[in-house]
N, C-alpha and C. Protein backbone atom coordinates (compact mmCIF):
# COMPACT_ATOMS: atom_id res chain seq x y z
N MET A 1 0.84 -1.20 0.00
CA MET A 1 0.00 0.00 0.00
C MET A 1 0.87 1.25 0.00
N ILE A 2 0.50 2.21 -0.84
CA ILE A 2 1.17 3.51 -0.86
C ILE A 2 0.32 4.50 -0.07
N THR A 3 0.94 5.21 0.85
CA THR A 3 0.24 6.20 1.66
C THR A 3 0.85 7.57 1.43
N ILE A 4 0.04 8.52 1.01
CA ILE A 4 0.45 9.91 0.91
C ILE A 4 -0.04 10.58 2.18
N ASP A 5 0.90 11.02 3.02
CA ASP A 5 0.58 11.42 4.39
C ASP A 5 0.84 12.91 4.60
N HIS A 6 -0.22 13.71 4.53
CA HIS A 6 -0.16 15.15 4.82
C HIS A 6 0.95 15.85 4.03
N VAL A 7 0.94 15.63 2.72
CA VAL A 7 1.97 16.19 1.83
C VAL A 7 1.58 17.60 1.38
N SER A 8 2.53 18.51 1.49
CA SER A 8 2.37 19.87 0.98
C SER A 8 3.57 20.23 0.11
N LYS A 9 3.33 21.04 -0.92
CA LYS A 9 4.40 21.46 -1.81
C LYS A 9 4.09 22.84 -2.36
N ARG A 10 5.09 23.73 -2.27
CA ARG A 10 4.96 25.08 -2.80
C ARG A 10 5.99 25.30 -3.90
N PHE A 11 5.63 26.14 -4.87
CA PHE A 11 6.56 26.65 -5.87
C PHE A 11 6.52 28.17 -5.77
N GLY A 12 7.48 28.72 -5.03
CA GLY A 12 7.44 30.16 -4.78
C GLY A 12 6.21 30.52 -3.98
N GLU A 13 5.39 31.41 -4.52
CA GLU A 13 4.17 31.84 -3.82
C GLU A 13 2.99 30.90 -4.08
N ARG A 14 3.14 29.96 -5.00
CA ARG A 14 2.02 29.10 -5.36
C ARG A 14 2.00 27.84 -4.50
N GLN A 15 0.86 27.60 -3.87
CA GLN A 15 0.66 26.39 -3.09
C GLN A 15 0.12 25.31 -4.02
N ALA A 16 1.00 24.40 -4.45
CA ALA A 16 0.59 23.38 -5.40
C ALA A 16 -0.16 22.24 -4.71
N LEU A 17 0.32 21.82 -3.55
CA LEU A 17 -0.32 20.77 -2.76
C LEU A 17 -0.45 21.26 -1.32
N ASP A 18 -1.60 21.03 -0.72
CA ASP A 18 -1.87 21.54 0.62
C ASP A 18 -2.42 20.41 1.49
N ASP A 19 -1.55 19.81 2.31
CA ASP A 19 -1.97 18.80 3.29
C ASP A 19 -2.72 17.64 2.62
N VAL A 20 -2.12 17.07 1.59
CA VAL A 20 -2.74 15.99 0.82
C VAL A 20 -2.53 14.66 1.53
N SER A 21 -3.60 13.90 1.72
CA SER A 21 -3.53 12.57 2.33
C SER A 21 -4.49 11.63 1.63
N PHE A 22 -4.00 10.47 1.19
CA PHE A 22 -4.85 9.39 0.71
C PHE A 22 -4.00 8.13 0.59
N GLU A 23 -4.66 7.01 0.34
CA GLU A 23 -3.97 5.72 0.23
C GLU A 23 -4.28 5.08 -1.12
N ILE A 24 -3.29 4.32 -1.64
CA ILE A 24 -3.46 3.54 -2.86
C ILE A 24 -3.25 2.09 -2.47
N GLY A 25 -4.31 1.31 -2.43
CA GLY A 25 -4.23 -0.07 -1.98
C GLY A 25 -3.61 -0.99 -3.00
N ASP A 26 -3.03 -2.09 -2.54
CA ASP A 26 -2.47 -3.10 -3.43
C ASP A 26 -3.53 -3.63 -4.38
N GLY A 27 -3.15 -3.79 -5.64
CA GLY A 27 -4.06 -4.34 -6.63
C GLY A 27 -5.17 -3.42 -7.06
N ARG A 28 -5.07 -2.13 -6.74
CA ARG A 28 -6.13 -1.18 -7.09
C ARG A 28 -5.60 -0.14 -8.07
N LEU A 29 -6.48 0.32 -8.94
CA LEU A 29 -6.17 1.39 -9.86
C LEU A 29 -6.85 2.65 -9.36
N THR A 30 -6.07 3.62 -8.97
CA THR A 30 -6.59 4.86 -8.41
C THR A 30 -6.38 5.99 -9.42
N GLY A 31 -7.46 6.63 -9.83
CA GLY A 31 -7.38 7.67 -10.84
C GLY A 31 -7.60 9.05 -10.26
N PHE A 32 -6.78 10.01 -10.68
CA PHE A 32 -6.97 11.42 -10.35
C PHE A 32 -7.70 12.08 -11.50
N VAL A 33 -8.75 12.81 -11.19
CA VAL A 33 -9.37 13.65 -12.21
C VAL A 33 -9.53 15.04 -11.62
N GLY A 34 -9.24 16.06 -12.43
CA GLY A 34 -9.34 17.42 -11.94
C GLY A 34 -8.90 18.40 -13.00
N ALA A 35 -9.12 19.66 -12.73
CA ALA A 35 -8.79 20.71 -13.69
C ALA A 35 -7.28 20.80 -13.89
N ASN A 36 -6.88 21.34 -15.04
CA ASN A 36 -5.47 21.59 -15.28
C ASN A 36 -4.90 22.47 -14.18
N GLY A 37 -3.71 22.11 -13.69
CA GLY A 37 -3.07 22.92 -12.66
C GLY A 37 -3.51 22.60 -11.26
N SER A 38 -4.30 21.53 -11.08
CA SER A 38 -4.81 21.22 -9.74
C SER A 38 -3.83 20.40 -8.91
N GLY A 39 -2.72 19.96 -9.51
CA GLY A 39 -1.69 19.29 -8.72
C GLY A 39 -1.56 17.80 -8.93
N LYS A 40 -2.22 17.26 -9.96
CA LYS A 40 -2.17 15.81 -10.18
C LYS A 40 -0.74 15.34 -10.48
N THR A 41 -0.10 15.98 -11.44
CA THR A 41 1.26 15.57 -11.82
C THR A 41 2.25 15.85 -10.70
N THR A 42 2.07 16.95 -9.97
CA THR A 42 2.95 17.25 -8.84
C THR A 42 2.87 16.14 -7.80
N THR A 43 1.65 15.66 -7.52
CA THR A 43 1.48 14.56 -6.57
C THR A 43 2.26 13.33 -7.04
N MET A 44 2.12 12.99 -8.31
CA MET A 44 2.83 11.83 -8.84
C MET A 44 4.34 12.00 -8.73
N ARG A 45 4.83 13.18 -9.00
CA ARG A 45 6.28 13.40 -8.95
C ARG A 45 6.81 13.33 -7.52
N VAL A 46 6.00 13.71 -6.56
CA VAL A 46 6.40 13.54 -5.16
C VAL A 46 6.44 12.05 -4.81
N ILE A 47 5.45 11.29 -5.27
CA ILE A 47 5.44 9.85 -5.03
C ILE A 47 6.70 9.21 -5.61
N LEU A 48 7.09 9.66 -6.80
CA LEU A 48 8.24 9.08 -7.49
C LEU A 48 9.58 9.56 -6.95
N GLY A 49 9.57 10.63 -6.15
CA GLY A 49 10.82 11.18 -5.65
C GLY A 49 11.47 12.16 -6.59
N VAL A 50 10.80 12.49 -7.70
CA VAL A 50 11.32 13.51 -8.61
C VAL A 50 11.28 14.88 -7.94
N LEU A 51 10.23 15.12 -7.15
CA LEU A 51 10.12 16.32 -6.33
C LEU A 51 10.08 15.89 -4.87
N SER A 52 10.63 16.72 -4.02
CA SER A 52 10.54 16.47 -2.58
C SER A 52 9.40 17.28 -1.99
N ALA A 53 8.72 16.71 -1.02
CA ALA A 53 7.63 17.41 -0.34
C ALA A 53 8.19 18.42 0.64
N ASP A 54 7.54 19.57 0.75
CA ASP A 54 7.93 20.55 1.78
C ASP A 54 7.51 20.06 3.16
N GLU A 55 6.37 19.39 3.21
CA GLU A 55 5.87 18.80 4.45
C GLU A 55 5.23 17.46 4.13
N GLY A 56 5.18 16.57 5.13
CA GLY A 56 4.57 15.27 4.94
C GLY A 56 5.52 14.27 4.31
N GLU A 57 5.03 13.06 4.05
CA GLU A 57 5.87 12.02 3.49
C GLU A 57 5.04 11.01 2.71
N VAL A 58 5.74 10.20 1.92
CA VAL A 58 5.12 9.11 1.17
C VAL A 58 5.64 7.80 1.73
N LEU A 59 4.72 6.88 2.06
CA LEU A 59 5.08 5.62 2.70
C LEU A 59 4.67 4.45 1.82
N ARG A 60 5.38 3.35 1.97
CA ARG A 60 4.95 2.09 1.37
C ARG A 60 4.90 1.05 2.47
N ASP A 61 3.73 0.51 2.68
CA ASP A 61 3.51 -0.46 3.76
C ASP A 61 4.03 0.08 5.10
N GLY A 62 3.78 1.38 5.32
CA GLY A 62 4.10 2.00 6.59
C GLY A 62 5.52 2.51 6.74
N GLU A 63 6.38 2.28 5.74
CA GLU A 63 7.77 2.72 5.80
C GLU A 63 8.03 3.78 4.75
N PRO A 64 8.91 4.78 5.06
CA PRO A 64 9.22 5.81 4.06
C PRO A 64 9.79 5.21 2.78
N LEU A 65 9.35 5.73 1.65
CA LEU A 65 9.85 5.26 0.36
C LEU A 65 11.32 5.66 0.20
N GLY A 66 12.14 4.73 -0.30
CA GLY A 66 13.53 5.00 -0.58
C GLY A 66 13.87 4.69 -2.02
N PRO A 67 15.13 4.92 -2.43
CA PRO A 67 15.54 4.67 -3.82
C PRO A 67 15.29 3.24 -4.28
N GLU A 68 15.53 2.25 -3.41
CA GLU A 68 15.34 0.86 -3.81
C GLU A 68 13.86 0.55 -4.06
N ASP A 69 12.97 1.15 -3.26
CA ASP A 69 11.54 0.98 -3.51
C ASP A 69 11.17 1.52 -4.88
N ARG A 70 11.69 2.70 -5.19
CA ARG A 70 11.30 3.37 -6.43
C ARG A 70 11.90 2.71 -7.66
N ARG A 71 12.97 1.91 -7.50
CA ARG A 71 13.49 1.14 -8.63
C ARG A 71 12.46 0.12 -9.12
N ARG A 72 11.55 -0.24 -8.25
CA ARG A 72 10.52 -1.22 -8.61
C ARG A 72 9.22 -0.54 -9.07
N PHE A 73 9.31 0.77 -9.32
CA PHE A 73 8.18 1.51 -9.86
C PHE A 73 8.27 1.56 -11.38
N GLY A 74 7.13 1.64 -12.02
CA GLY A 74 7.06 1.95 -13.43
C GLY A 74 6.41 3.31 -13.59
N TYR A 75 6.98 4.16 -14.44
CA TYR A 75 6.45 5.52 -14.59
C TYR A 75 6.26 5.84 -16.06
N MET A 76 5.09 6.33 -16.38
CA MET A 76 4.80 6.82 -17.72
C MET A 76 4.45 8.29 -17.62
N PRO A 77 5.37 9.19 -18.02
CA PRO A 77 5.09 10.62 -17.91
C PRO A 77 4.13 11.10 -18.98
N GLU A 78 3.51 12.24 -18.74
CA GLU A 78 2.64 12.83 -19.75
C GLU A 78 3.44 13.24 -20.98
N GLU A 79 4.65 13.78 -20.76
CA GLU A 79 5.49 14.19 -21.86
C GLU A 79 6.16 12.98 -22.50
N ARG A 80 6.48 13.07 -23.79
CA ARG A 80 7.21 12.00 -24.46
C ARG A 80 8.58 11.83 -23.80
N GLY A 81 8.93 10.60 -23.41
CA GLY A 81 10.17 10.39 -22.68
C GLY A 81 11.09 9.36 -23.31
N LEU A 82 10.93 9.07 -24.60
CA LEU A 82 11.75 8.07 -25.27
C LEU A 82 12.73 8.72 -26.23
N TYR A 83 13.81 8.01 -26.55
CA TYR A 83 14.82 8.53 -27.46
C TYR A 83 14.30 8.41 -28.90
N PRO A 84 14.13 9.51 -29.61
CA PRO A 84 13.45 9.46 -30.92
C PRO A 84 14.21 8.69 -31.99
N LYS A 85 15.54 8.62 -31.89
CA LYS A 85 16.33 7.96 -32.93
C LYS A 85 16.48 6.45 -32.71
N MET A 86 16.13 5.97 -31.54
CA MET A 86 16.26 4.53 -31.26
C MET A 86 15.08 3.75 -31.81
N LYS A 87 15.33 2.50 -32.16
CA LYS A 87 14.25 1.63 -32.61
C LYS A 87 13.40 1.19 -31.42
N VAL A 88 12.15 0.86 -31.70
CA VAL A 88 11.19 0.60 -30.63
C VAL A 88 11.66 -0.52 -29.70
N ALA A 89 11.93 -1.70 -30.25
CA ALA A 89 12.33 -2.83 -29.41
C ALA A 89 13.65 -2.55 -28.72
N GLU A 90 14.60 -1.93 -29.44
CA GLU A 90 15.89 -1.60 -28.86
C GLU A 90 15.72 -0.68 -27.65
N GLN A 91 14.84 0.28 -27.78
CA GLN A 91 14.58 1.24 -26.71
C GLN A 91 13.99 0.56 -25.48
N ILE A 92 12.98 -0.27 -25.67
CA ILE A 92 12.31 -0.92 -24.55
C ILE A 92 13.28 -1.88 -23.84
N GLU A 93 14.04 -2.65 -24.62
CA GLU A 93 15.02 -3.57 -24.03
C GLU A 93 16.08 -2.80 -23.23
N TYR A 94 16.52 -1.68 -23.77
CA TYR A 94 17.52 -0.85 -23.08
C TYR A 94 17.01 -0.39 -21.72
N LEU A 95 15.77 0.08 -21.68
CA LEU A 95 15.19 0.54 -20.42
C LEU A 95 15.02 -0.61 -19.43
N ALA A 96 14.69 -1.79 -19.94
CA ALA A 96 14.57 -2.96 -19.07
C ALA A 96 15.93 -3.31 -18.45
N ARG A 97 17.00 -3.21 -19.24
CA ARG A 97 18.34 -3.51 -18.73
C ARG A 97 18.75 -2.50 -17.67
N LEU A 98 18.37 -1.22 -17.87
CA LEU A 98 18.66 -0.20 -16.86
C LEU A 98 17.99 -0.52 -15.53
N ARG A 99 16.86 -1.21 -15.60
CA ARG A 99 16.11 -1.57 -14.39
C ARG A 99 16.60 -2.87 -13.77
N GLY A 100 17.69 -3.43 -14.33
CA GLY A 100 18.30 -4.61 -13.72
C GLY A 100 17.94 -5.94 -14.33
N MET A 101 17.16 -5.97 -15.41
CA MET A 101 16.81 -7.24 -16.04
C MET A 101 17.99 -7.78 -16.85
N SER A 102 18.09 -9.09 -16.95
CA SER A 102 19.10 -9.70 -17.81
C SER A 102 18.73 -9.45 -19.27
N ARG A 103 19.70 -9.63 -20.17
CA ARG A 103 19.42 -9.42 -21.58
C ARG A 103 18.29 -10.34 -22.07
N ALA A 104 18.35 -11.61 -21.65
CA ALA A 104 17.34 -12.57 -22.09
C ALA A 104 15.95 -12.19 -21.58
N ASP A 105 15.87 -11.80 -20.30
CA ASP A 105 14.57 -11.42 -19.74
C ASP A 105 14.05 -10.14 -20.37
N ALA A 106 14.96 -9.19 -20.65
CA ALA A 106 14.56 -7.93 -21.29
C ALA A 106 14.00 -8.19 -22.68
N THR A 107 14.65 -9.07 -23.43
CA THR A 107 14.18 -9.40 -24.78
C THR A 107 12.82 -10.09 -24.72
N ARG A 108 12.67 -11.05 -23.80
CA ARG A 108 11.42 -11.77 -23.65
C ARG A 108 10.28 -10.83 -23.27
N SER A 109 10.51 -9.99 -22.27
CA SER A 109 9.46 -9.08 -21.79
C SER A 109 9.08 -8.07 -22.86
N THR A 110 10.08 -7.55 -23.59
CA THR A 110 9.82 -6.58 -24.65
C THR A 110 8.95 -7.20 -25.74
N ALA A 111 9.31 -8.39 -26.19
CA ALA A 111 8.55 -9.05 -27.26
C ALA A 111 7.11 -9.30 -26.83
N ALA A 112 6.91 -9.73 -25.59
CA ALA A 112 5.57 -10.02 -25.10
C ALA A 112 4.73 -8.75 -25.03
N LEU A 113 5.32 -7.66 -24.56
CA LEU A 113 4.58 -6.41 -24.44
C LEU A 113 4.24 -5.81 -25.81
N LEU A 114 5.20 -5.84 -26.73
CA LEU A 114 4.91 -5.30 -28.05
C LEU A 114 3.81 -6.09 -28.74
N ASP A 115 3.78 -7.38 -28.52
CA ASP A 115 2.70 -8.20 -29.08
C ASP A 115 1.37 -7.84 -28.43
N ARG A 116 1.36 -7.68 -27.11
CA ARG A 116 0.12 -7.36 -26.40
C ARG A 116 -0.41 -5.99 -26.80
N LEU A 117 0.51 -5.06 -27.08
CA LEU A 117 0.12 -3.70 -27.43
C LEU A 117 -0.01 -3.49 -28.94
N GLU A 118 0.08 -4.59 -29.70
CA GLU A 118 -0.09 -4.55 -31.16
C GLU A 118 0.96 -3.65 -31.81
N LEU A 119 2.19 -3.76 -31.32
CA LEU A 119 3.31 -2.97 -31.88
C LEU A 119 4.41 -3.85 -32.46
N SER A 120 4.21 -5.15 -32.52
CA SER A 120 5.27 -6.04 -32.98
C SER A 120 5.75 -5.68 -34.38
N ALA A 121 4.83 -5.27 -35.24
CA ALA A 121 5.19 -4.94 -36.62
C ALA A 121 6.07 -3.69 -36.71
N ARG A 122 6.08 -2.88 -35.65
CA ARG A 122 6.87 -1.64 -35.65
C ARG A 122 8.12 -1.75 -34.79
N ALA A 123 8.46 -2.97 -34.36
CA ALA A 123 9.58 -3.16 -33.43
C ALA A 123 10.89 -2.63 -33.97
N GLY A 124 11.09 -2.70 -35.29
CA GLY A 124 12.34 -2.24 -35.90
C GLY A 124 12.31 -0.81 -36.38
N ASP A 125 11.20 -0.10 -36.15
CA ASP A 125 11.08 1.30 -36.57
C ASP A 125 11.58 2.23 -35.47
N THR A 126 12.05 3.41 -35.85
CA THR A 126 12.48 4.38 -34.85
C THR A 126 11.26 5.00 -34.17
N ILE A 127 11.46 5.46 -32.96
CA ILE A 127 10.37 6.09 -32.20
C ILE A 127 9.81 7.29 -32.95
N GLU A 128 10.69 8.10 -33.55
CA GLU A 128 10.23 9.33 -34.19
C GLU A 128 9.40 9.06 -35.45
N SER A 129 9.50 7.85 -36.01
CA SER A 129 8.73 7.52 -37.21
C SER A 129 7.31 7.06 -36.89
N LEU A 130 7.02 6.85 -35.60
CA LEU A 130 5.71 6.35 -35.21
C LEU A 130 4.69 7.48 -35.14
N SER A 131 3.44 7.11 -35.29
CA SER A 131 2.36 8.07 -35.02
C SER A 131 2.35 8.40 -33.54
N LEU A 132 1.65 9.47 -33.17
CA LEU A 132 1.57 9.84 -31.76
C LEU A 132 0.95 8.73 -30.93
N GLY A 133 -0.06 8.06 -31.48
CA GLY A 133 -0.69 6.98 -30.75
C GLY A 133 0.25 5.81 -30.51
N ASN A 134 1.04 5.46 -31.54
CA ASN A 134 2.00 4.38 -31.38
C ASN A 134 3.14 4.77 -30.45
N GLN A 135 3.54 6.03 -30.47
CA GLN A 135 4.55 6.48 -29.50
C GLN A 135 4.02 6.33 -28.08
N GLN A 136 2.75 6.63 -27.89
CA GLN A 136 2.15 6.49 -26.57
C GLN A 136 2.16 5.03 -26.13
N ARG A 137 1.85 4.12 -27.04
CA ARG A 137 1.86 2.71 -26.69
C ARG A 137 3.28 2.22 -26.41
N ALA A 138 4.27 2.77 -27.11
CA ALA A 138 5.66 2.43 -26.81
C ALA A 138 6.03 2.88 -25.41
N GLN A 139 5.49 4.04 -24.99
CA GLN A 139 5.76 4.52 -23.63
C GLN A 139 5.09 3.64 -22.59
N ILE A 140 3.92 3.11 -22.92
CA ILE A 140 3.26 2.16 -22.02
C ILE A 140 4.15 0.94 -21.84
N ALA A 141 4.71 0.43 -22.95
CA ALA A 141 5.62 -0.71 -22.87
C ALA A 141 6.83 -0.39 -22.01
N ALA A 142 7.37 0.81 -22.14
CA ALA A 142 8.54 1.20 -21.34
C ALA A 142 8.23 1.22 -19.86
N ALA A 143 7.00 1.59 -19.50
CA ALA A 143 6.61 1.63 -18.09
C ALA A 143 6.42 0.25 -17.50
N LEU A 144 6.08 -0.73 -18.36
CA LEU A 144 5.72 -2.07 -17.88
C LEU A 144 6.82 -3.11 -18.04
N VAL A 145 7.84 -2.82 -18.85
CA VAL A 145 8.75 -3.87 -19.31
C VAL A 145 9.51 -4.57 -18.18
N HIS A 146 9.83 -3.85 -17.10
CA HIS A 146 10.60 -4.46 -16.01
C HIS A 146 9.71 -5.09 -14.94
N GLU A 147 8.42 -5.28 -15.30
CA GLU A 147 7.46 -5.93 -14.41
C GLU A 147 7.41 -5.24 -13.04
N PRO A 148 7.06 -3.96 -13.03
CA PRO A 148 7.10 -3.17 -11.80
C PRO A 148 6.03 -3.60 -10.80
N GLU A 149 6.30 -3.31 -9.53
CA GLU A 149 5.34 -3.57 -8.47
C GLU A 149 4.35 -2.42 -8.31
N VAL A 150 4.76 -1.23 -8.74
CA VAL A 150 3.91 -0.03 -8.65
C VAL A 150 3.96 0.69 -9.99
N LEU A 151 2.81 1.09 -10.50
CA LEU A 151 2.73 1.83 -11.75
C LEU A 151 2.23 3.24 -11.47
N VAL A 152 2.89 4.23 -12.05
CA VAL A 152 2.45 5.62 -11.97
C VAL A 152 2.29 6.10 -13.41
N LEU A 153 1.07 6.42 -13.79
CA LEU A 153 0.74 6.71 -15.18
C LEU A 153 0.12 8.10 -15.29
N ASP A 154 0.74 8.97 -16.04
CA ASP A 154 0.24 10.34 -16.20
C ASP A 154 -0.34 10.48 -17.61
N GLU A 155 -1.66 10.60 -17.70
CA GLU A 155 -2.38 10.69 -18.97
C GLU A 155 -2.02 9.51 -19.89
N PRO A 156 -2.25 8.27 -19.45
CA PRO A 156 -1.78 7.12 -20.23
C PRO A 156 -2.47 6.94 -21.58
N PHE A 157 -3.66 7.51 -21.77
CA PHE A 157 -4.36 7.31 -23.03
C PHE A 157 -4.34 8.56 -23.91
N SER A 158 -3.53 9.54 -23.55
CA SER A 158 -3.41 10.75 -24.37
C SER A 158 -2.84 10.40 -25.74
N GLY A 159 -3.52 10.83 -26.79
CA GLY A 159 -3.03 10.57 -28.15
C GLY A 159 -3.49 9.24 -28.71
N LEU A 160 -4.14 8.40 -27.90
CA LEU A 160 -4.61 7.09 -28.37
C LEU A 160 -6.04 7.20 -28.90
N ALA A 161 -6.27 6.61 -30.07
CA ALA A 161 -7.64 6.49 -30.56
C ALA A 161 -8.41 5.57 -29.63
N ARG A 162 -9.71 5.82 -29.51
CA ARG A 162 -10.52 4.99 -28.61
C ARG A 162 -10.44 3.51 -28.98
N SER A 163 -10.27 3.23 -30.26
CA SER A 163 -10.19 1.83 -30.68
C SER A 163 -8.96 1.13 -30.13
N ARG A 164 -7.95 1.91 -29.68
CA ARG A 164 -6.72 1.33 -29.14
C ARG A 164 -6.73 1.27 -27.62
N TRP A 165 -7.75 1.82 -26.97
CA TRP A 165 -7.78 1.85 -25.51
C TRP A 165 -7.86 0.45 -24.93
N THR A 166 -8.58 -0.44 -25.61
CA THR A 166 -8.83 -1.77 -25.04
C THR A 166 -7.53 -2.53 -24.80
N ALA A 167 -6.67 -2.60 -25.83
CA ALA A 167 -5.41 -3.33 -25.68
C ALA A 167 -4.52 -2.69 -24.62
N SER A 168 -4.50 -1.36 -24.58
CA SER A 168 -3.65 -0.66 -23.61
C SER A 168 -4.18 -0.86 -22.19
N SER A 169 -5.49 -0.76 -22.02
CA SER A 169 -6.09 -0.96 -20.69
C SER A 169 -5.83 -2.38 -20.21
N ALA A 170 -5.94 -3.36 -21.11
CA ALA A 170 -5.71 -4.74 -20.73
C ALA A 170 -4.29 -4.96 -20.25
N SER A 171 -3.33 -4.23 -20.82
CA SER A 171 -1.94 -4.37 -20.39
C SER A 171 -1.78 -3.97 -18.94
N PHE A 172 -2.48 -2.92 -18.51
CA PHE A 172 -2.42 -2.51 -17.11
C PHE A 172 -3.13 -3.51 -16.22
N ARG A 173 -4.30 -3.98 -16.65
CA ARG A 173 -5.08 -4.90 -15.82
C ARG A 173 -4.39 -6.24 -15.66
N ASN A 174 -3.57 -6.63 -16.64
CA ASN A 174 -2.91 -7.93 -16.58
C ASN A 174 -1.66 -7.94 -15.72
N GLU A 175 -1.28 -6.79 -15.18
CA GLU A 175 -0.12 -6.75 -14.30
C GLU A 175 -0.46 -7.44 -12.98
N PRO A 176 0.56 -7.87 -12.20
CA PRO A 176 0.31 -8.60 -10.95
C PRO A 176 -0.65 -7.85 -10.04
N ARG A 177 -1.54 -8.58 -9.38
CA ARG A 177 -2.56 -7.97 -8.54
C ARG A 177 -1.99 -7.27 -7.31
N LYS A 178 -0.74 -7.57 -6.96
CA LYS A 178 -0.15 -6.89 -5.81
C LYS A 178 0.20 -5.44 -6.14
N ALA A 179 0.18 -5.10 -7.43
CA ALA A 179 0.63 -3.77 -7.83
C ALA A 179 -0.33 -2.69 -7.37
N CYS A 180 0.24 -1.54 -7.00
CA CYS A 180 -0.54 -0.32 -6.79
C CYS A 180 -0.42 0.49 -8.06
N ARG A 181 -1.48 1.16 -8.44
CA ARG A 181 -1.41 1.97 -9.65
C ARG A 181 -2.10 3.29 -9.39
N CYS A 182 -1.51 4.38 -9.83
CA CYS A 182 -2.24 5.65 -9.81
C CYS A 182 -2.14 6.26 -11.18
N SER A 183 -3.23 6.84 -11.63
CA SER A 183 -3.32 7.27 -13.02
C SER A 183 -4.05 8.59 -13.09
N SER A 184 -3.54 9.48 -13.95
CA SER A 184 -4.23 10.72 -14.28
C SER A 184 -4.79 10.56 -15.67
N ARG A 185 -6.09 10.81 -15.83
CA ARG A 185 -6.71 10.59 -17.13
C ARG A 185 -7.29 11.87 -17.68
N ALA A 186 -7.16 12.05 -18.99
CA ALA A 186 -7.75 13.19 -19.67
C ALA A 186 -9.15 12.81 -20.14
N THR A 187 -10.16 13.40 -19.56
CA THR A 187 -11.54 13.17 -20.00
C THR A 187 -12.23 14.52 -20.02
N SER A 188 -13.45 14.55 -20.56
CA SER A 188 -14.17 15.81 -20.59
C SER A 188 -14.41 16.34 -19.18
N SER A 189 -14.59 15.45 -18.22
CA SER A 189 -14.84 15.90 -16.85
C SER A 189 -13.59 16.47 -16.21
N THR A 190 -12.39 16.10 -16.73
CA THR A 190 -11.16 16.61 -16.14
C THR A 190 -11.09 18.11 -16.23
N SER A 191 -11.47 18.67 -17.36
CA SER A 191 -11.33 20.10 -17.53
C SER A 191 -12.56 20.87 -17.08
N SER A 192 -13.68 20.18 -16.91
CA SER A 192 -14.91 20.90 -16.60
C SER A 192 -15.35 20.79 -15.16
N SER A 193 -14.76 19.88 -14.38
CA SER A 193 -15.24 19.67 -13.02
C SER A 193 -14.13 19.18 -12.13
N ASP A 194 -14.15 19.60 -10.86
CA ASP A 194 -13.18 19.14 -9.87
C ASP A 194 -13.70 17.97 -9.06
N SER A 195 -14.95 17.59 -9.26
CA SER A 195 -15.49 16.50 -8.46
C SER A 195 -14.93 15.17 -8.95
N ALA A 196 -14.90 14.18 -8.05
CA ALA A 196 -14.32 12.88 -8.39
C ALA A 196 -15.21 12.12 -9.36
N ARG A 197 -14.57 11.34 -10.23
CA ARG A 197 -15.27 10.47 -11.15
C ARG A 197 -14.61 9.10 -11.09
N THR A 198 -15.39 8.05 -11.30
CA THR A 198 -14.83 6.71 -11.44
C THR A 198 -15.07 6.25 -12.86
N SER A 199 -14.00 5.88 -13.57
CA SER A 199 -14.10 5.49 -14.97
C SER A 199 -14.06 3.97 -15.09
N SER A 200 -14.26 3.48 -16.30
CA SER A 200 -14.25 2.04 -16.53
C SER A 200 -12.89 1.43 -16.27
N SER A 201 -11.82 2.23 -16.31
CA SER A 201 -10.48 1.70 -16.09
C SER A 201 -10.00 1.93 -14.67
N SER A 202 -10.88 2.44 -13.81
CA SER A 202 -10.48 2.76 -12.45
C SER A 202 -11.29 1.95 -11.44
N ARG A 203 -10.65 1.55 -10.37
CA ARG A 203 -11.35 0.97 -9.24
C ARG A 203 -11.72 2.07 -8.24
N THR A 204 -10.87 3.08 -8.15
CA THR A 204 -11.06 4.16 -7.21
C THR A 204 -10.73 5.47 -7.89
N ALA A 205 -11.45 6.51 -7.56
CA ALA A 205 -11.12 7.83 -8.08
C ALA A 205 -10.79 8.76 -6.93
N ALA A 206 -9.85 9.67 -7.14
CA ALA A 206 -9.54 10.68 -6.14
C ALA A 206 -9.79 12.04 -6.76
N SER A 207 -10.48 12.92 -6.04
CA SER A 207 -10.75 14.24 -6.59
C SER A 207 -9.47 15.04 -6.65
N ALA A 208 -9.47 16.06 -7.49
CA ALA A 208 -8.28 16.89 -7.64
C ALA A 208 -8.68 18.35 -7.62
N GLU A 209 -9.14 18.81 -6.50
CA GLU A 209 -9.46 20.22 -6.34
C GLU A 209 -8.16 21.01 -6.27
N PRO A 210 -8.18 22.28 -6.65
CA PRO A 210 -6.94 23.05 -6.63
C PRO A 210 -6.26 22.97 -5.27
N ALA A 211 -5.01 22.50 -5.27
CA ALA A 211 -4.11 22.47 -4.11
C ALA A 211 -4.51 21.48 -3.03
N ARG A 212 -5.63 20.75 -3.23
CA ARG A 212 -6.02 19.76 -2.22
C ARG A 212 -6.55 18.52 -2.93
N ARG A 213 -6.52 17.39 -2.22
CA ARG A 213 -7.03 16.15 -2.78
C ARG A 213 -7.63 15.29 -1.68
N SER A 214 -8.69 14.59 -1.94
CA SER A 214 -9.28 13.72 -0.93
C SER A 214 -9.71 12.43 -1.59
N PRO A 215 -9.65 11.31 -0.86
CA PRO A 215 -10.02 10.03 -1.47
C PRO A 215 -11.51 9.91 -1.67
N CYS A 216 -11.88 9.13 -2.66
CA CYS A 216 -13.28 8.91 -2.94
C CYS A 216 -13.43 7.51 -3.51
N GLY A 217 -14.52 6.86 -3.26
CA GLY A 217 -14.76 5.53 -3.82
C GLY A 217 -14.70 4.47 -2.74
N PRO A 218 -14.88 3.19 -3.13
CA PRO A 218 -14.92 2.11 -2.15
C PRO A 218 -13.58 1.86 -1.51
């Protein structure tokens, strides 16, 4: 279980997060929905250790998160984070090796993910030659390739046609049930409302009001 415990974060005069507390249970998909600038990505970056909290802490199973814990995380940023000149399979295998997988395991995991995400035919193409939707699916593969225990996904379906959501959603659902997952999704309600929503790909939704967040759902 991941616990966000009274986390606050400021950027100069702007209060980005204000006393945020909620839990992400094992085997659950927790989605943030809220207006742009409400702090969803900032929360994720604090969980990942990319940003440090001014107050509060992030715990896993009651203990403060450390570098070794975060090595077992998978992260898919909203921004494109892959090397454009590298080939798809080469890129995914490289990232798996950085996460400590053997060459054989990295090759096996990459091939399985590209097949599941319907990208096998593009395995030898460069990232920059792919459509935006296929680049997004390559990023999904990069987040999953090392078989992480925790997934952090920022706008995972951005740029994907609705017809491609099924295969991508299934990739997340097929991960081990012990995994915790938190996801920020772009939907019409994200920009029009701060109230919590539960989507078909979420077990739990957390509201994202400006500078504050509260848990919602079962």
